């Protein structure tokens, strides 16, 4: 990845959100950079970060998704745990991330922000994030409402954005990576692909179901 920001220059960043540090350890063995998905209570997050650190000496990140709620979580407290535990990379996503991004930036943390539209990507760029994850309609679990496919979204991102971005959604092999690079991305963000690996701590019956669904899709092509 090429960027004027010396902190991320020449960094190979393939991003994955995982819910268990043991899963993160397996992915580290493939020499990738990974995110611990934040679905935990505040003190449990601290424990899981420390647990993850016992499994690898390589850097990892924490995902902090900001969603509207009747009783919103204390996102600043989550961010402070990320800072206190010395995490170097944070992935943010969701609504009104400005305060959290500033809090993390002050601590010198590299920030990747997830976006589903060019409008939001430009806003994140103005907030000073280091780079972006551009999530097309194909990406699982995103909160976008515009349903723009990557073949459109990635090209528009390349035309409008000044900071690097990775592509998210439907990327699972080297051909997909080549396509993303051709459309202007600096890399890809993979998630579902790792669910089917042997080392993934994933219920085997669900893994078999996943592959059945993949075979059905491929048979229709």
Protein backbone atom coordinates (compact mmCIF):
# COMPACT_ATOMS: atom_id res chain seq x y z
CA UNK A 1 0.00 0.00 0.00
CA UNK A 2 1.42 3.37 -0.97
CA UNK A 3 0.46 6.47 1.00
CA UNK A 4 2.13 9.65 2.18
CA UNK A 5 1.27 8.73 5.76
CA UNK A 6 4.47 7.07 6.99
CA UNK A 7 2.60 5.03 9.58
CA UNK A 8 0.85 2.95 6.92
CA UNK A 9 3.24 3.25 3.98
CA UNK A 10 4.00 -0.11 2.38
CA UNK A 11 1.77 -1.84 4.93
CA UNK A 12 0.05 -4.96 3.68
CA UNK A 13 -3.31 -4.90 5.42
CA UNK A 14 -5.78 -7.69 4.84
CA UNK A 15 -8.52 -7.10 7.34
CA UNK A 16 -10.67 -9.68 9.10
CA UNK A 17 -13.13 -9.32 11.94
CA UNK A 18 -13.18 -12.29 14.29
CA UNK A 19 -15.04 -12.89 17.53
CA UNK A 20 -12.51 -15.13 19.27
CA UNK A 21 -8.78 -14.57 19.77
CA UNK A 22 -8.13 -18.21 18.95
CA UNK A 23 -9.51 -17.57 15.48
CA UNK A 24 -7.26 -14.54 15.22
CA UNK A 25 -4.22 -16.68 16.02
CA UNK A 26 -4.93 -19.05 13.13
CA UNK A 27 -5.26 -16.14 10.72
CA UNK A 28 -2.01 -14.59 11.95
CA UNK A 29 -0.22 -17.75 10.86
CA UNK A 30 -1.20 -16.78 7.30
CA UNK A 31 0.64 -13.44 7.82
CA UNK A 32 -2.40 -11.19 7.71
CA UNK A 33 -3.58 -8.30 9.87
CA UNK A 34 -6.76 -8.96 11.83
CA UNK A 35 -9.44 -7.27 13.86
CA UNK A 36 -11.02 -8.51 17.06
CA UNK A 37 -14.73 -7.86 16.59
CA UNK A 38 -16.21 -5.86 19.42
CA UNK A 39 -19.27 -7.79 20.65
CA UNK A 40 -18.20 -7.82 24.30
CA UNK A 41 -18.79 -6.01 27.55
CA UNK A 42 -16.16 -3.39 28.30
CA UNK A 43 -14.09 -5.40 30.80
CA UNK A 44 -14.53 -8.56 28.73
CA UNK A 45 -13.03 -6.68 25.79
CA UNK A 46 -9.97 -5.91 27.91
CA UNK A 47 -9.62 -9.59 28.81
CA UNK A 48 -9.97 -10.71 25.20
CA UNK A 49 -7.38 -8.21 23.97
CA UNK A 50 -4.94 -9.55 26.55
CA UNK A 51 -5.83 -13.12 25.64
CA UNK A 52 -5.22 -12.35 21.98
CA UNK A 53 -1.84 -10.87 22.82
CA UNK A 54 -0.76 -14.12 24.50
CA UNK A 55 -1.35 -15.93 21.21
CA UNK A 56 0.65 -13.72 18.88
CA UNK A 57 3.32 -11.07 18.83
CA UNK A 58 1.91 -9.58 15.62
CA UNK A 59 -0.29 -6.44 15.59
CA UNK A 60 -4.06 -6.78 15.57
CA UNK A 61 -6.96 -4.38 15.59
CA UNK A 62 -10.34 -3.97 17.29
CA UNK A 63 -13.59 -3.26 15.49
CA UNK A 64 -15.81 -0.58 17.05
CA UNK A 65 -19.21 -0.26 15.36
CA UNK A 66 -21.37 2.70 16.38
CA UNK A 67 -25.07 1.90 16.06
CA UNK A 68 -28.13 3.85 17.24
CA UNK A 69 -29.83 2.34 20.29
CA UNK A 70 -32.46 3.23 22.88
CA UNK A 71 -29.78 2.72 25.52
CA UNK A 72 -26.53 3.39 23.61
CA UNK A 73 -23.35 1.68 24.80
CA UNK A 74 -20.51 3.71 26.25
CA UNK A 75 -18.44 3.81 23.07
CA UNK A 76 -15.93 6.21 24.59
CA UNK A 77 -15.23 3.68 27.31
CA UNK A 78 -14.70 0.96 24.70
CA UNK A 79 -12.34 3.27 22.83
CA UNK A 80 -10.43 3.98 26.03
CA UNK A 81 -9.91 0.27 26.61
CA UNK A 82 -8.50 0.00 23.08
CA UNK A 83 -6.13 2.86 23.90
CA UNK A 84 -5.17 1.60 27.36
CA UNK A 85 -4.35 -1.87 26.04
CA UNK A 86 -2.01 -0.51 23.39
CA UNK A 87 -3.94 -1.68 20.34
CA UNK A 88 -2.41 -0.11 17.22
CA UNK A 89 -5.27 -0.48 14.70
CA UNK A 90 -8.99 0.24 15.08
CA UNK A 91 -11.77 -0.26 12.57
CA UNK A 92 -14.71 2.08 13.05
CA UNK A 93 -18.13 1.97 11.42
CA UNK A 94 -21.60 3.38 11.88
CA UNK A 95 -23.19 6.70 12.78
CA UNK A 96 -21.48 9.93 13.87
CA UNK A 97 -18.00 8.50 14.43
CA UNK A 98 -16.29 11.89 14.78
CA UNK A 99 -15.74 11.90 18.56
CA UNK A 100 -14.54 8.33 18.69
CA UNK A 101 -12.20 8.82 15.73
CA UNK A 102 -10.70 11.91 17.38
CA UNK A 103 -10.26 10.03 20.67
CA UNK A 104 -8.42 7.19 18.91
CA UNK A 105 -6.38 9.54 16.71
CA UNK A 106 -5.11 11.43 19.76
CA UNK A 107 -3.63 8.15 20.98
CA UNK A 108 -1.87 7.59 17.66
CA UNK A 109 -4.01 4.64 16.60
CA UNK A 110 -4.29 3.79 12.89
CA UNK A 111 -7.94 4.03 11.87
CA UNK A 112 -9.76 2.27 9.07
CA UNK A 113 -13.37 3.38 8.66
CA UNK A 114 -16.02 1.26 6.96
CA UNK A 115 -18.29 2.99 4.42
CA UNK A 116 -21.05 1.90 2.04
CA UNK A 117 -21.38 5.15 0.08
CA UNK A 118 -19.00 7.70 -1.42
CA UNK A 119 -20.74 10.44 0.58
CA UNK A 120 -19.84 8.77 3.87
CA UNK A 121 -16.35 7.92 2.63
CA UNK A 122 -15.67 11.58 1.86
CA UNK A 123 -16.92 12.55 5.32
CA UNK A 124 -14.59 10.01 6.92
CA UNK A 125 -11.73 11.31 4.80
CA UNK A 126 -12.37 14.80 6.17
CA UNK A 127 -12.25 13.39 9.71
CA UNK A 128 -8.70 12.28 8.98
CA UNK A 129 -8.98 8.49 9.03
CA UNK A 130 -5.92 6.69 7.68
CA UNK A 131 -7.76 4.58 5.15
CA UNK A 132 -11.18 3.16 4.33
CA UNK A 133 -13.02 -0.08 3.85
CA UNK A 134 -15.44 0.36 0.96
CA UNK A 135 -18.29 -2.12 1.43
CA UNK A 136 -20.41 -2.94 -1.58
CA UNK A 137 -23.84 -4.57 -1.52
CA UNK A 138 -22.13 -7.96 -1.58
CA UNK A 139 -20.52 -7.41 1.83
CA UNK A 140 -22.10 -9.33 4.69
CA UNK A 141 -23.39 -7.58 7.78
CA UNK A 142 -23.01 -3.97 6.67
CA UNK A 143 -25.65 -1.36 7.47
CA UNK A 144 -25.82 0.43 4.15
CA UNK A 145 -29.20 1.14 2.61
CA UNK A 146 -28.19 2.03 -0.94
CA UNK A 147 -27.36 -1.50 -2.19
CA UNK A 148 -24.59 -0.35 -4.53
CA UNK A 149 -22.51 -3.25 -5.91
CA UNK A 150 -18.73 -3.17 -5.75
CA UNK A 151 -18.33 -2.93 -9.52
CA UNK A 152 -19.84 0.54 -9.27
CA UNK A 153 -18.80 1.61 -5.78
CA UNK A 154 -15.09 0.80 -6.05
CA UNK A 155 -14.62 2.70 -9.29
CA UNK A 156 -16.37 5.76 -7.87
CA UNK A 157 -14.23 5.51 -4.74
CA UNK A 158 -11.08 5.50 -6.86
CA UNK A 159 -12.29 8.61 -8.69
CA UNK A 160 -13.19 10.64 -5.59
CA UNK A 161 -11.02 9.54 -2.66
CA UNK A 162 -7.51 10.76 -1.91
CA UNK A 163 -6.69 8.17 0.76
CA UNK A 164 -6.20 4.41 0.28
CA UNK A 165 -9.12 2.00 0.57
CA UNK A 166 -9.67 -1.74 0.68
CA UNK A 167 -12.59 -3.51 -0.99
CA UNK A 168 -15.12 -5.51 1.04
CA UNK A 169 -17.72 -7.97 -0.19
CA UNK A 170 -17.51 -11.17 -2.28
CA UNK A 171 -13.71 -11.36 -2.23
CA UNK A 172 -12.41 -14.85 -1.56
CA UNK A 173 -9.58 -15.65 -3.96
CA UNK A 174 -6.68 -14.20 -5.92
CA UNK A 175 -8.86 -13.44 -8.94
CA UNK A 176 -11.13 -11.32 -6.75
CA UNK A 177 -8.08 -9.54 -5.35
CA UNK A 178 -6.86 -8.83 -8.89
CA UNK A 179 -10.27 -7.39 -9.78
CA UNK A 180 -10.31 -5.16 -6.70
CA UNK A 181 -6.83 -3.86 -7.46
CA UNK A 182 -7.86 -3.17 -11.05
CA UNK A 183 -10.81 -1.10 -9.80
CA UNK A 184 -8.55 1.04 -7.61
CA UNK A 185 -8.52 -0.66 -4.21
CA UNK A 186 -5.27 -1.30 -2.34
CA UNK A 187 -6.39 -4.68 -1.05
CA UNK A 188 -9.40 -6.73 0.01
CA UNK A 189 -11.26 -7.37 3.23
CA UNK A 190 -12.24 -11.04 3.65
CA UNK A 191 -14.54 -12.58 6.23
CA UNK A 192 -16.85 -15.36 5.04
CA UNK A 193 -13.97 -17.07 3.22
CA UNK A 194 -12.25 -17.83 6.51
CA UNK A 195 -15.39 -19.40 7.99
CA UNK A 196 -14.86 -22.44 5.77
CA UNK A 197 -11.21 -23.09 6.69
CA UNK A 198 -10.25 -26.16 8.70
CA UNK A 199 -8.77 -24.18 11.60
CA UNK A 200 -11.72 -21.82 11.97
CA UNK A 201 -13.58 -22.39 15.25
CA UNK A 202 -16.88 -22.76 13.47
CA UNK A 203 -19.54 -25.44 13.90
CA UNK A 204 -18.74 -28.08 11.30
CA UNK A 205 -22.37 -28.59 10.23
CA UNK A 206 -22.64 -24.88 9.42
CA UNK A 207 -19.38 -25.02 7.50
CA UNK A 208 -20.78 -27.86 5.37
CA UNK A 209 -23.97 -25.87 4.82
CA UNK A 210 -21.90 -22.90 3.67
CA UNK A 211 -20.10 -25.00 1.09
CA UNK A 212 -23.38 -26.52 -0.15
CA UNK A 213 -24.71 -23.01 -0.71
CA UNK A 214 -21.52 -22.06 -2.57
CA UNK A 215 -21.82 -25.09 -4.85
CA UNK A 216 -25.45 -24.21 -5.64
CA UNK A 217 -24.45 -20.67 -6.55
CA UNK A 218 -21.58 -21.84 -8.73
CA UNK A 219 -23.82 -24.34 -10.52
CA UNK A 220 -26.07 -21.46 -11.62
CA UNK A 221 -23.22 -19.52 -13.19
